[in-house]
C-alpha atoms as a PDB file:
ATOM      1  CA  MET A   1      -0.109  -0.262  -0.128  1.00  0.00           C
ATOM      2  CA  THR A   2       1.535   3.300  -0.895  1.00  0.00           C
ATOM      3  CA  LYS A   3       1.492   5.889   1.648  1.00  0.00           C
ATOM      4  CA  GLU A   4       0.057   9.740   0.714  1.00  0.00           C
ATOM      5  CA  ILE A   5       0.160  12.543   2.510  1.00  0.00           C
ATOM      6  CA  ASN A   6      -2.768  12.986   5.272  1.00  0.00           C
ATOM      7  CA  TYR A   7      -4.082  16.505   5.624  1.00  0.00           C
ATOM      8  CA  ILE A   8      -5.071  17.281   9.129  1.00  0.00           C
ATOM      9  CA  LYS A   9      -6.879  20.724  10.302  1.00  0.00           C
ATOM     10  CA  GLY A  10      -4.864  21.361  13.213  1.00  0.00           C
ATOM     11  CA  ASP A  11      -1.989  22.588  14.680  1.00  0.00           C
ATOM     12  CA  ALA A  12       1.483  21.434  13.878  1.00  0.00           C
ATOM     13  CA  THR A  13       2.789  22.066  17.046  1.00  0.00           C
ATOM     14  CA  VAL A  14       0.587  19.232  18.325  1.00  0.00           C
ATOM     15  CA  PRO A  15       1.492  16.513  16.407  1.00  0.00           C
ATOM     16  CA  GLN A  16      -1.913  13.836  16.202  1.00  0.00           C
ATOM     17  CA  ALA A  17      -0.221  10.185  16.165  1.00  0.00           C
ATOM     18  CA  LYS A  18       1.315   7.351  18.131  1.00  0.00           C
ATOM     19  CA  GLY A  19       5.314   7.183  18.568  1.00  0.00           C
ATOM     20  CA  ASN A  20       7.817   9.054  17.392  1.00  0.00           C
ATOM     21  CA  LYS A  21       7.341  12.350  15.756  1.00  0.00           C
ATOM     22  CA  LEU A  22       9.453  14.809  13.868  1.00  0.00           C
ATOM     23  CA  ILE A  23       8.147  18.376  13.599  1.00  0.00           C
ATOM     24  CA  ILE A  24       9.533  20.047  10.586  1.00  0.00           C
ATOM     25  CA  HIS A  25       9.760  23.748   9.566  1.00  0.00           C
ATOM     26  CA  VAL A  26      12.036  26.001   7.204  1.00  0.00           C
ATOM     27  CA  CYS A  27      14.572  28.368   8.290  1.00  0.00           C
ATOM     28  CA  ASN A  28      16.288  31.108   6.760  1.00  0.00           C
ATOM     29  CA  ASN A  29      20.521  30.807   6.185  1.00  0.00           C
ATOM     30  CA  ILE A  30      20.776  34.654   7.664  1.00  0.00           C
ATOM     31  CA  GLY A  31      20.282  33.258  11.258  1.00  0.00           C
ATOM     32  CA  GLY A  32      16.593  34.900  11.844  1.00  0.00           C
ATOM     33  CA  TRP A  33      14.212  33.353  13.880  1.00  0.00           C
ATOM     34  CA  GLY A  34      11.189  35.215  15.246  1.00  0.00           C
ATOM     35  CA  LYS A  35       8.458  35.237  13.006  1.00  0.00           C
ATOM     36  CA  GLY A  36       5.828  32.839  11.246  1.00  0.00           C
ATOM     37  CA  PHE A  37       5.996  28.898  12.551  1.00  0.00           C
ATOM     38  CA  VAL A  38       8.682  29.571  14.908  1.00  0.00           C
ATOM     39  CA  VAL A  39       6.897  31.789  16.997  1.00  0.00           C
ATOM     40  CA  ALA A  40       4.177  28.767  17.585  1.00  0.00           C
ATOM     41  CA  LEU A  41       7.190  26.724  17.874  1.00  0.00           C
ATOM     42  CA  SER A  42       9.413  28.426  20.915  1.00  0.00           C
ATOM     43  CA  ARG A  43       6.192  29.205  22.676  1.00  0.00           C
ATOM     44  CA  ARG A  44       6.124  25.550  23.435  1.00  0.00           C
ATOM     45  CA  TRP A  45      10.117  24.443  23.520  1.00  0.00           C
ATOM     46  CA  PRO A  46      12.730  26.602  24.022  1.00  0.00           C
ATOM     47  CA  GLU A  47      15.088  24.050  22.406  1.00  0.00           C
ATOM     48  CA  PRO A  48      14.899  24.559  18.710  1.00  0.00           C
ATOM     49  CA  GLU A  49      15.440  28.552  18.905  1.00  0.00           C
ATOM     50  CA  VAL A  50      18.603  28.279  21.412  1.00  0.00           C
ATOM     51  CA  GLN A  51      19.945  25.252  19.251  1.00  0.00           C
ATOM     52  CA  PHE A  52      19.470  26.924  16.181  1.00  0.00           C
ATOM     53  CA  ARG A  53      20.633  30.501  16.980  1.00  0.00           C
ATOM     54  CA  ALA A  54      23.689  28.308  18.390  1.00  0.00           C
ATOM     55  CA  TRP A  55      24.530  26.574  15.025  1.00  0.00           C
ATOM     56  CA  HIS A  56      24.228  29.750  12.917  1.00  0.00           C
ATOM     57  CA  ARG A  57      26.492  31.624  15.437  1.00  0.00           C
ATOM     58  CA  ASN A  58      28.969  28.701  15.035  1.00  0.00           C
ATOM     59  CA  ARG A  59      28.642  28.585  11.687  1.00  0.00           C
ATOM     60  CA  ALA A  60      31.898  28.555  10.370  1.00  0.00           C
ATOM     61  CA  LYS A  61      32.692  25.680  12.038  1.00  0.00           C
ATOM     62  CA  ASN A  62      29.919  23.556  11.182  1.00  0.00           C
ATOM     63  CA  ASP A  63      27.149  22.442   8.357  1.00  0.00           C
ATOM     64  CA  PHE A  64      25.123  25.666   8.900  1.00  0.00           C
ATOM     65  CA  GLU A  65      23.679  26.628   5.008  1.00  0.00           C
ATOM     66  CA  LEU A  66      21.279  25.940   2.572  1.00  0.00           C
ATOM     67  CA  GLY A  67      20.159  22.185   2.698  1.00  0.00           C
ATOM     68  CA  ALA A  68      21.441  21.444   6.021  1.00  0.00           C
ATOM     69  CA  ILE A  69      18.877  20.140   8.750  1.00  0.00           C
ATOM     70  CA  GLN A  70      19.469  20.185  12.705  1.00  0.00           C
ATOM     71  CA  ILE A  71      17.153  17.813  14.889  1.00  0.00           C
ATOM     72  CA  VAL A  72      16.561  18.861  18.487  1.00  0.00           C
ATOM     73  CA  GLN A  73      14.654  16.804  20.970  1.00  0.00           C
ATOM     74  CA  VAL A  74      12.152  18.607  22.818  1.00  0.00           C
ATOM     75  CA  SER A  75      10.133  15.706  24.629  1.00  0.00           C
ATOM     76  CA  GLU A  76      10.349  11.794  24.819  1.00  0.00           C
ATOM     77  CA  TYR A  77       8.588  11.267  21.549  1.00  0.00           C
ATOM     78  CA  ILE A  78       8.889  14.755  19.874  1.00  0.00           C
ATOM     79  CA  TYR A  79      12.015  16.262  17.720  1.00  0.00           C
ATOM     80  CA  VAL A  80      12.204  19.173  15.629  1.00  0.00           C
ATOM     81  CA  GLY A  81      13.725  19.346  12.490  1.00  0.00           C
ATOM     82  CA  ASN A  82      15.483  22.691  11.653  1.00  0.00           C
ATOM     83  CA  MET A  83      15.748  23.011   7.727  1.00  0.00           C
ATOM     84  CA  ILE A  84      17.392  25.740   6.260  1.00  0.00           C
ATOM     85  CA  GLY A  85      15.175  26.164   3.304  1.00  0.00           C
ATOM     86  CA  GLN A  86      15.803  29.767   2.603  1.00  0.00           C
ATOM     87  CA  GLN A  87      17.753  32.074   1.307  1.00  0.00           C
ATOM     88  CA  GLY A  88      17.349  35.267   3.541  1.00  0.00           C
ATOM     89  CA  ILE A  89      14.051  36.639   4.372  1.00  0.00           C
ATOM     90  CA  ARG A  90      13.104  39.248   1.911  1.00  0.00           C
ATOM     91  CA  THR A  91      11.375  39.192  -1.587  1.00  0.00           C
ATOM     92  CA  GLY A  92      14.297  40.785  -3.981  1.00  0.00           C
ATOM     93  CA  SER A  93      15.542  40.367  -7.477  1.00  0.00           C
ATOM     94  CA  LYS A  94      16.585  37.236  -6.473  1.00  0.00           C
ATOM     95  CA  GLY A  95      12.736  36.282  -6.391  1.00  0.00           C
ATOM     96  CA  VAL A  96      11.264  35.112  -3.331  1.00  0.00           C
ATOM     97  CA  PRO A  97      13.212  33.592   0.005  1.00  0.00           C
ATOM     98  CA  ILE A  98      12.242  29.635  -0.746  1.00  0.00           C
ATOM     99  CA  ARG A  99      14.873  27.366  -2.474  1.00  0.00           C
ATOM    100  CA  TYR A 100      13.063  24.483  -3.747  1.00  0.00           C
ATOM    101  CA  GLU A 101      16.176  22.471  -4.183  1.00  0.00           C
ATOM    102  CA  ALA A 102      17.427  23.532  -0.422  1.00  0.00           C
ATOM    103  CA  VAL A 103      14.217  22.424   0.518  1.00  0.00           C
ATOM    104  CA  GLU A 104      14.562  19.164  -1.109  1.00  0.00           C
ATOM    105  CA  SER A 105      17.707  18.423   0.077  1.00  0.00           C
ATOM    106  CA  CYS A 106      16.274  18.745   3.543  1.00  0.00           C
ATOM    107  CA  LEU A 107      13.845  16.563   3.242  1.00  0.00           C
ATOM    108  CA  LYS A 108      16.206  13.393   1.722  1.00  0.00           C
ATOM    109  CA  LYS A 109      17.538  13.952   5.325  1.00  0.00           C
ATOM    110  CA  ILE A 110      14.803  14.385   7.084  1.00  0.00           C
ATOM    111  CA  ALA A 111      13.664  10.666   5.396  1.00  0.00           C
ATOM    112  CA  VAL A 112      16.664   9.347   6.562  1.00  0.00           C
ATOM    113  CA  GLU A 113      16.136  10.915  10.256  1.00  0.00           C
ATOM    114  CA  ALA A 114      12.468   9.977  10.619  1.00  0.00           C
ATOM    115  CA  ASN A 115      13.359   6.297   9.623  1.00  0.00           C
ATOM    116  CA  ALA A 116      16.392   6.245  11.558  1.00  0.00           C
ATOM    117  CA  LEU A 117      13.969   7.802  14.634  1.00  0.00           C
ATOM    118  CA  GLU A 118      10.856   5.487  13.706  1.00  0.00           C
ATOM    119  CA  ALA A 119       8.946   8.977  13.339  1.00  0.00           C
ATOM    120  CA  SER A 120       6.284  10.033  11.395  1.00  0.00           C
ATOM    121  CA  VAL A 121       6.489  13.813   9.944  1.00  0.00           C
ATOM    122  CA  HIS A 122       4.330  16.583  10.866  1.00  0.00           C
ATOM    123  CA  MET A 123       4.406  20.105   9.541  1.00  0.00           C
ATOM    124  CA  PRO A 124       2.966  23.032   8.183  1.00  0.00           C
ATOM    125  CA  ARG A 125       2.544  24.028   4.849  1.00  0.00           C
ATOM    126  CA  ILE A 126       6.370  24.735   4.721  1.00  0.00           C
ATOM    127  CA  GLY A 127       8.229  26.941   2.683  1.00  0.00           C
ATOM    128  CA  CYS A 128       4.722  28.783   1.964  1.00  0.00           C
ATOM    129  CA  GLY A 129       4.402  31.361   4.637  1.00  0.00           C
ATOM    130  CA  LEU A 130       6.987  34.084   4.455  1.00  0.00           C
ATOM    131  CA  ALA A 131       9.428  31.552   2.624  1.00  0.00           C
ATOM    132  CA  GLY A 132       6.753  32.763  -0.376  1.00  0.00           C
ATOM    133  CA  GLY A 133       7.112  29.385  -1.882  1.00  0.00           C
ATOM    134  CA  LYS A 134       3.866  27.525  -3.703  1.00  0.00           C
ATOM    135  CA  TRP A 135       2.623  24.515  -2.362  1.00  0.00           C
ATOM    136  CA  GLU A 136       2.319  22.830  -6.152  1.00  0.00           C
ATOM    137  CA  ARG A 137       5.876  23.070  -5.993  1.00  0.00           C
ATOM    138  CA  ILE A 138       6.263  21.435  -2.227  1.00  0.00           C
ATOM    139  CA  GLU A 139       3.790  18.897  -2.363  1.00  0.00           C
ATOM    140  CA  PRO A 140       5.751  17.136  -5.124  1.00  0.00           C
ATOM    141  CA  ILE A 141       9.089  17.373  -3.460  1.00  0.00           C
ATOM    142  CA  ILE A 142       7.717  15.567  -0.269  1.00  0.00           C
ATOM    143  CA  GLN A 143       5.990  12.630  -2.467  1.00  0.00           C
ATOM    144  CA  GLU A 144       9.857  12.076  -3.888  1.00  0.00           C
ATOM    145  CA  THR A 145      11.202  12.842  -0.782  1.00  0.00           C
ATOM    146  CA  LEU A 146       9.632  11.530   2.609  1.00  0.00           C
ATOM    147  CA  ILE A 147       6.450   9.355   1.161  1.00  0.00           C
ATOM    148  CA  ALA A 148       8.722   7.936  -1.267  1.00  0.00           C
ATOM    149  CA  ASN A 149      10.702   6.624   1.606  1.00  0.00           C
ATOM    150  CA  ASN A 150       7.898   5.145   3.109  1.00  0.00           C
ATOM    151  CA  VAL A 151       7.929   8.095   5.906  1.00  0.00           C
ATOM    152  CA  ASP A 152       3.736   8.580   7.380  1.00  0.00           C
ATOM    153  CA  THR A 153       4.120  12.601   7.034  1.00  0.00           C
ATOM    154  CA  TYR A 154       0.912  14.990   8.255  1.00  0.00           C
ATOM    155  CA  VAL A 155       0.594  18.441   6.945  1.00  0.00           C
ATOM    156  CA  TYR A 156      -1.357  20.713   8.902  1.00  0.00           C
ATOM    157  CA  ASP A 157      -3.768  23.784   8.143  1.00  0.00           C
ATOM    158  CA  TYR A 158      -4.071  26.009  10.589  1.00  0.00           C
END
């Protein structure tokens, strides 16, 4: 039986599934954290923001760049995946901040992590808010990365 994306009305910070859960979201590559979905994340758990800021601060010595991910455990069964999938935070001469190839690279890594953790993946419509992405472009990437790797995937519409 082929898996499909499960669309749910609700809050992605309250994942609806049994077992381990990995909540993912798109971050920018300039270390900004303070608008959009991250506000809800930070209200629930301080760790993802603290870890993201430390990752950015020490970027000369780590893999902080487009396409990189960071997994932060926030409770016994819940993890948050910070994914660097946007260039900056403003729409400018190079278009909207979303970088689809970076999101794809992140999701390939997320599929590996989710399978290793035996976790389902939960997200808002990643990359479609402040990053300016189009769901018609994101959804097939999710199909090719998470669904193709047999990861239970839930997308939340708040």
